[in-house]
Amino acid sequence: MKRVLRRVGAIAFWTIMISILWVMVLRFVPPPVTWAMAVQAREQGGVHRAWKSLEEIAPVMPMAVIAAEDQAFFSHHGFDLEAMQKALRHNGRSKHVHGASTISQQTAKNVFLWPGRNFLRKGLEAWFTALIEGLWGKERILEVYLNVAETGKGRFGVEATAQACFRRPAAKLSTVQAAAIASVLPAPRRFNACAASAFVQRRQAWIIRQMGHLGNQMDAVERGRILQLQEQRVGSKRH
């Protein structure tokens, strides 16, 4: 029995250490591939992606995804408990299921996990979410999310869809274009930012309004975090 316990303990220890090392490496290195990319590459015969650092993406783009997906992004530590409670109450009385995943949770499962729904995966999602919140920080989480999120059929990251739909780099996206990309994130294989359906247009308009509300509600420090970070990185490169 002691031998079994020692083996179990050793496996648990090395699993934890390897996962921490994995997260630390990806703090500095772009994730080479995700499970969703591999699936889409097989189904579509390839995928379109181009990694862009945060300073190479227009400031309106991260603001659009925060407004669309996770307005409490800068105030929570990976999990939005209030949103979870609202989703539980809604799902208990409706057939239309609402999720409550934060940008941090979505990044963790996109980068580290396989598709599916079970208790093991949810547990690992929580573990990796806590790790990236602690080891990456908000800016790196946002940077990775903007590069690995599926933004269209066979397209990953905002740069791929900016080029495909608007014939311009992500650095030159307008507010309207950024909102169009953010509007398809709930179902990027069903909706298309290049040819917006009525639903996408309504959601796009809602996101633009939320971006305005979000900017008014955030204090001066939070409101400027993305723009300041980008300006600092650009300035350091010039020097």
Protein backbone atom coordinates (compact mmCIF):
# COMPACT_ATOMS: atom_id res chain seq x y z
CA MET A 1 0.00 0.00 0.00
CA LYS A 2 2.85 2.37 0.85
CA ARG A 3 4.49 1.59 -2.47
CA VAL A 4 1.27 2.41 -4.32
CA LEU A 5 0.87 5.66 -2.41
CA ARG A 6 4.46 6.65 -3.17
CA ARG A 7 3.91 5.99 -6.86
CA VAL A 8 0.67 7.96 -6.89
CA GLY A 9 2.38 10.80 -5.05
CA ALA A 10 5.29 10.78 -7.51
CA ILE A 11 2.94 10.83 -10.49
CA ALA A 12 0.95 13.70 -8.99
CA PHE A 13 4.12 15.66 -8.18
CA TRP A 14 5.62 15.33 -11.66
CA THR A 15 2.28 16.05 -13.33
CA ILE A 16 2.05 19.31 -11.39
CA MET A 17 5.68 20.22 -12.10
CA ILE A 18 5.39 19.48 -15.83
CA SER A 19 2.18 21.52 -16.15
CA ILE A 20 3.80 24.48 -14.38
CA LEU A 21 6.85 24.24 -16.65
CA TRP A 22 4.57 24.02 -19.70
CA VAL A 23 2.74 27.18 -18.67
CA MET A 24 6.01 28.99 -17.95
CA VAL A 25 7.39 28.16 -21.41
CA LEU A 26 4.24 29.46 -23.11
CA ARG A 27 4.52 32.69 -21.18
CA PHE A 28 7.32 33.59 -23.59
CA VAL A 29 6.74 31.32 -26.60
CA PRO A 30 3.64 31.38 -28.84
CA PRO A 31 1.64 28.14 -28.53
CA PRO A 32 2.64 26.13 -31.63
CA VAL A 33 -0.77 24.48 -32.15
CA THR A 34 -4.03 23.85 -30.32
CA TRP A 35 -6.38 20.91 -30.46
CA ALA A 36 -8.99 23.01 -32.30
CA MET A 37 -6.40 23.98 -34.91
CA ALA A 38 -5.52 20.34 -35.50
CA VAL A 39 -9.19 19.42 -35.93
CA GLN A 40 -9.84 22.30 -38.34
CA ALA A 41 -6.66 21.55 -40.29
CA ARG A 42 -7.91 18.01 -40.87
CA GLU A 43 -11.43 19.10 -41.79
CA GLN A 44 -10.52 22.16 -43.89
CA GLY A 45 -7.25 20.94 -45.34
CA GLY A 46 -5.33 23.59 -43.43
CA VAL A 47 -5.80 26.66 -41.24
CA HIS A 48 -4.92 30.33 -41.45
CA ARG A 49 -3.14 31.93 -38.51
CA ALA A 50 -0.48 34.58 -37.95
CA TRP A 51 0.83 35.40 -34.51
CA LYS A 52 0.78 39.09 -33.61
CA SER A 53 2.02 40.58 -30.37
CA LEU A 54 -0.33 42.82 -28.44
CA GLU A 55 1.30 46.02 -29.69
CA GLU A 56 0.70 44.85 -33.26
CA ILE A 57 -3.07 44.70 -32.69
CA ALA A 58 -5.27 47.79 -32.69
CA PRO A 59 -6.32 48.72 -29.11
CA VAL A 60 -9.98 48.52 -30.14
CA MET A 61 -9.64 44.77 -30.76
CA PRO A 62 -8.88 43.68 -27.17
CA MET A 63 -11.49 46.15 -25.96
CA ALA A 64 -14.04 44.56 -28.30
CA VAL A 65 -13.42 41.02 -27.04
CA ILE A 66 -13.52 42.18 -23.42
CA ALA A 67 -16.82 43.95 -24.08
CA ALA A 68 -18.21 40.89 -25.87
CA GLU A 69 -16.86 38.03 -23.77
CA ASP A 70 -15.74 39.13 -20.32
CA GLN A 71 -16.39 42.66 -19.08
CA ALA A 72 -14.99 41.82 -15.64
CA PHE A 73 -11.70 40.63 -17.15
CA PHE A 74 -9.46 43.06 -15.29
CA SER A 75 -11.24 42.65 -11.95
CA HIS A 76 -11.51 38.86 -11.54
CA HIS A 77 -8.79 36.29 -10.92
CA GLY A 78 -9.78 33.90 -13.67
CA PHE A 79 -13.32 33.05 -12.59
CA ASP A 80 -16.37 35.32 -12.63
CA LEU A 81 -18.46 33.91 -9.78
CA GLU A 82 -21.31 36.35 -10.34
CA ALA A 83 -21.58 35.36 -14.01
CA MET A 84 -21.50 31.67 -13.02
CA GLN A 85 -24.40 32.16 -10.62
CA LYS A 86 -26.43 34.01 -13.26
CA ALA A 87 -25.74 31.27 -15.80
CA LEU A 88 -26.82 28.56 -13.34
CA ARG A 89 -30.09 30.37 -12.61
CA HIS A 90 -30.76 30.93 -16.32
CA ASN A 91 -29.89 27.36 -17.34
CA GLY A 92 -32.14 26.00 -14.63
CA ARG A 93 -35.21 27.58 -16.21
CA SER A 94 -34.31 27.69 -19.93
CA LYS A 95 -33.44 25.21 -22.67
CA HIS A 96 -30.96 27.70 -24.11
CA VAL A 97 -27.76 27.14 -22.16
CA HIS A 98 -25.65 30.17 -21.28
CA GLY A 99 -21.97 29.79 -20.48
CA ALA A 100 -19.96 31.85 -18.01
CA SER A 101 -16.40 31.19 -19.10
CA THR A 102 -14.01 34.09 -18.72
CA ILE A 103 -11.38 34.99 -21.28
CA SER A 104 -8.86 33.35 -18.95
CA GLN A 105 -10.84 30.09 -18.90
CA GLN A 106 -11.30 30.13 -22.66
CA THR A 107 -7.59 30.71 -23.16
CA ALA A 108 -6.69 27.87 -20.80
CA LYS A 109 -8.92 25.32 -22.51
CA ASN A 110 -7.99 26.49 -26.02
CA VAL A 111 -4.26 26.21 -25.38
CA PHE A 112 -3.95 23.24 -23.03
CA LEU A 113 -7.02 21.01 -23.37
CA TRP A 114 -8.99 18.89 -25.78
CA PRO A 115 -12.65 19.53 -26.80
CA GLY A 116 -15.37 17.97 -24.70
CA ARG A 117 -17.33 18.25 -21.47
CA ASN A 118 -16.54 16.12 -18.44
CA PHE A 119 -15.43 16.56 -14.84
CA LEU A 120 -11.77 15.79 -15.58
CA ARG A 121 -11.60 18.45 -18.26
CA LYS A 122 -13.38 21.03 -16.07
CA GLY A 123 -10.95 20.31 -13.27
CA LEU A 124 -7.95 20.71 -15.56
CA GLU A 125 -9.48 23.88 -16.99
CA ALA A 126 -9.68 25.36 -13.49
CA TRP A 127 -6.09 24.31 -12.76
CA PHE A 128 -4.65 25.82 -15.93
CA THR A 129 -6.77 28.96 -15.52
CA ALA A 130 -5.29 29.50 -12.07
CA LEU A 131 -1.80 28.87 -13.43
CA ILE A 132 -2.00 31.35 -16.31
CA GLU A 133 -3.58 33.99 -14.07
CA GLY A 134 -0.69 33.60 -11.65
CA LEU A 135 2.20 33.05 -14.09
CA TRP A 136 1.18 34.98 -17.22
CA GLY A 137 -0.80 37.99 -16.08
CA LYS A 138 -3.68 39.71 -17.83
CA GLU A 139 -1.80 41.16 -20.79
CA ARG A 140 -0.24 37.84 -21.80
CA ILE A 141 -3.59 36.05 -21.41
CA LEU A 142 -5.21 38.62 -23.67
CA GLU A 143 -2.38 38.41 -26.20
CA VAL A 144 -2.59 34.61 -26.42
CA TYR A 145 -6.39 34.66 -26.61
CA LEU A 146 -6.34 37.11 -29.52
CA ASN A 147 -4.04 34.73 -31.38
CA VAL A 148 -5.52 31.30 -30.64
CA ALA A 149 -9.27 32.02 -30.54
CA GLU A 150 -11.13 30.63 -33.53
CA THR A 151 -12.39 33.65 -35.48
CA GLY A 152 -13.85 31.91 -38.53
CA LYS A 153 -13.97 28.61 -40.34
CA GLY A 154 -10.35 27.55 -40.64
CA ARG A 155 -9.11 30.87 -39.19
CA PHE A 156 -7.45 31.41 -35.82
CA GLY A 157 -6.51 34.71 -34.27
CA VAL A 158 -7.65 38.21 -35.14
CA GLU A 159 -4.93 38.78 -37.74
CA ALA A 160 -6.20 35.95 -39.96
CA THR A 161 -9.76 37.30 -40.01
CA ALA A 162 -8.64 40.93 -40.32
CA GLN A 163 -6.77 39.98 -43.50
CA ALA A 164 -9.48 37.65 -44.85
CA CYS A 165 -12.46 39.94 -44.23
CA PHE A 166 -11.10 43.48 -44.32
CA ARG A 167 -7.85 43.17 -46.30
CA ARG A 168 -5.89 44.94 -43.57
CA PRO A 169 -3.68 43.93 -40.64
CA ALA A 170 -5.06 43.69 -37.14
CA ALA A 171 -3.03 46.80 -36.27
CA LYS A 172 -5.33 48.91 -38.47
CA LEU A 173 -8.73 47.54 -37.49
CA SER A 174 -11.47 50.08 -36.86
CA THR A 175 -13.93 49.86 -33.98
CA VAL A 176 -16.63 48.55 -36.32
CA GLN A 177 -14.34 45.88 -37.75
CA ALA A 178 -13.06 44.81 -34.34
CA ALA A 179 -16.64 44.48 -33.12
CA ALA A 180 -17.49 42.38 -36.18
CA ILE A 181 -14.70 39.91 -35.36
CA ALA A 182 -15.68 39.80 -31.67
CA SER A 183 -19.33 39.20 -32.62
CA VAL A 184 -18.61 35.78 -34.15
CA LEU A 185 -16.62 34.39 -31.21
CA PRO A 186 -19.52 32.44 -29.67
CA ALA A 187 -19.85 30.34 -32.85
CA PRO A 188 -17.05 31.12 -35.36
CA ARG A 189 -17.90 28.19 -37.64
CA ARG A 190 -21.54 29.24 -37.86
CA PHE A 191 -21.15 33.01 -38.20
CA ASN A 192 -18.89 34.92 -40.55
CA ALA A 193 -17.38 38.35 -39.94
CA CYS A 194 -16.77 38.66 -43.70
CA ALA A 195 -20.48 38.42 -44.53
CA ALA A 196 -22.34 39.49 -41.44
CA SER A 197 -25.77 37.98 -40.91
CA ALA A 198 -28.56 39.91 -39.20
CA PHE A 199 -27.57 38.29 -35.89
CA VAL A 200 -23.93 39.28 -36.30
CA GLN A 201 -24.91 42.85 -37.18
CA ARG A 202 -27.11 43.11 -34.08
CA ARG A 203 -24.38 41.67 -31.88
CA GLN A 204 -21.81 43.94 -33.51
CA ALA A 205 -23.90 47.01 -32.67
CA TRP A 206 -24.36 45.76 -29.10
CA ILE A 207 -20.60 45.25 -28.70
CA ILE A 208 -19.87 48.78 -29.91
CA ARG A 209 -22.32 50.14 -27.31
CA GLN A 210 -20.74 47.98 -24.62
CA MET A 211 -17.28 49.24 -25.58
CA GLY A 212 -18.49 52.76 -24.92
CA HIS A 213 -20.09 51.80 -21.60
CA LEU A 214 -17.01 49.84 -20.57
CA GLY A 215 -14.73 52.77 -21.28
CA ASN A 216 -16.92 55.06 -19.19
CA GLN A 217 -17.16 52.63 -16.27
CA MET A 218 -13.47 51.68 -16.00
CA ASP A 219 -11.23 53.88 -13.91
CA ALA A 220 -8.33 55.72 -15.53
CA VAL A 221 -5.78 53.04 -14.71
CA GLU A 222 -7.82 50.14 -16.08
CA ARG A 223 -9.03 52.05 -19.12
CA GLY A 224 -5.49 52.77 -20.23
CA ARG A 225 -3.82 49.44 -19.44
CA ILE A 226 -4.01 48.00 -22.93
CA LEU A 227 -3.05 51.20 -24.74
CA GLN A 228 -0.26 52.00 -22.28
CA LEU A 229 1.19 48.51 -22.60
CA GLN A 230 1.20 48.75 -26.37
CA GLU A 231 2.81 52.19 -26.33
CA GLN A 232 5.49 51.02 -23.87
CA ARG A 233 6.36 48.00 -26.01
CA VAL A 234 6.51 50.06 -29.20
CA GLY A 235 8.65 52.68 -27.45
CA SER A 236 11.08 50.07 -26.10
CA LYS A 237 11.50 48.60 -29.59
CA ARG A 238 12.32 52.04 -31.04
CA HIS A 239 15.00 52.55 -28.40
